[in-house]
Amino acid sequence: MRQKVPKQGAIASGFSIEVELQISLPGLPREQAQALVEQAHIVCPYSNATRNNIDVTLTLI
């Protein structure tokens, strides 16, 4: 998994941060890998801690 440098910028109420996680799962069919990524995002402690606070994009590469 790679993390791109987060984008930051001013918004009306202050500042915002967003992050893109680039995930590679070699050997798994793409549909199975995508389902695994989506399920992991639901239970991931990092995702739970930042949910609704930071825009997160999950990209399967």
Protein backbone atom coordinates (compact mmCIF):
# COMPACT_ATOMS: atom_id res chain seq x y z
CA MET A 1 0.00 0.00 0.00
CA ARG A 2 1.24 3.48 -0.84
CA GLN A 3 -0.05 6.74 0.48
CA LYS A 4 0.04 9.81 -1.73
CA VAL A 5 0.95 13.10 -0.17
CA PRO A 6 -2.25 14.47 1.31
CA LYS A 7 -3.79 17.49 -0.30
CA GLN A 8 -4.53 20.38 1.99
CA GLY A 9 -6.31 23.62 1.40
CA ALA A 10 -8.50 26.34 2.75
CA ILE A 11 -12.25 25.88 2.94
CA ALA A 12 -14.93 28.22 4.28
CA SER A 13 -14.75 26.77 7.80
CA GLY A 14 -10.96 26.37 8.04
CA PHE A 15 -8.74 23.76 6.37
CA SER A 16 -9.29 20.34 4.89
CA ILE A 17 -7.12 17.28 4.37
CA GLU A 18 -7.65 14.42 1.98
CA VAL A 19 -5.63 11.28 1.34
CA GLU A 20 -5.47 8.66 -1.39
CA LEU A 21 -4.39 5.14 -0.45
CA GLN A 22 -3.07 3.16 -3.40
CA ILE A 23 -3.48 -0.54 -2.71
CA SER A 24 -1.83 -3.39 -4.60
CA LEU A 25 -2.96 -6.99 -4.06
CA PRO A 26 -1.01 -9.06 -6.57
CA GLY A 27 -2.40 -12.47 -7.36
CA LEU A 28 -6.02 -11.63 -6.49
CA PRO A 29 -8.64 -11.15 -9.18
CA ARG A 30 -9.53 -7.45 -9.39
CA GLU A 31 -13.15 -7.93 -8.27
CA GLN A 32 -12.07 -9.96 -5.23
CA ALA A 33 -9.34 -7.42 -4.39
CA GLN A 34 -11.81 -4.51 -4.62
CA ALA A 35 -14.27 -6.29 -2.32
CA LEU A 36 -11.48 -6.98 0.19
CA VAL A 37 -10.36 -3.32 0.13
CA GLU A 38 -13.92 -2.10 0.72
CA GLN A 39 -14.46 -4.53 3.60
CA ALA A 40 -11.11 -3.65 5.18
CA HIS A 41 -11.96 0.06 5.01
CA ILE A 42 -15.06 -0.61 7.12
CA VAL A 43 -13.12 -2.23 10.00
CA CYS A 44 -9.77 -0.43 9.74
CA PRO A 45 -8.97 1.54 12.93
CA TYR A 46 -7.42 4.36 10.86
CA SER A 47 -10.52 4.57 8.68
CA ASN A 48 -12.80 4.56 11.71
CA ALA A 49 -10.78 7.29 13.43
CA THR A 50 -10.84 9.58 10.39
CA ARG A 51 -14.29 8.78 8.99
CA ASN A 52 -16.24 11.99 8.23
CA ASN A 53 -13.16 14.07 9.16
CA ILE A 54 -10.79 13.38 6.26
CA ASP A 55 -11.70 12.59 2.66
CA VAL A 56 -10.17 9.19 1.86
CA THR A 57 -9.92 7.72 -1.63
CA LEU A 58 -9.06 4.03 -1.96
CA THR A 59 -7.42 3.21 -5.29
CA LEU A 60 -6.69 -0.34 -6.33
CA ILE A 61 -3.55 -0.36 -8.46
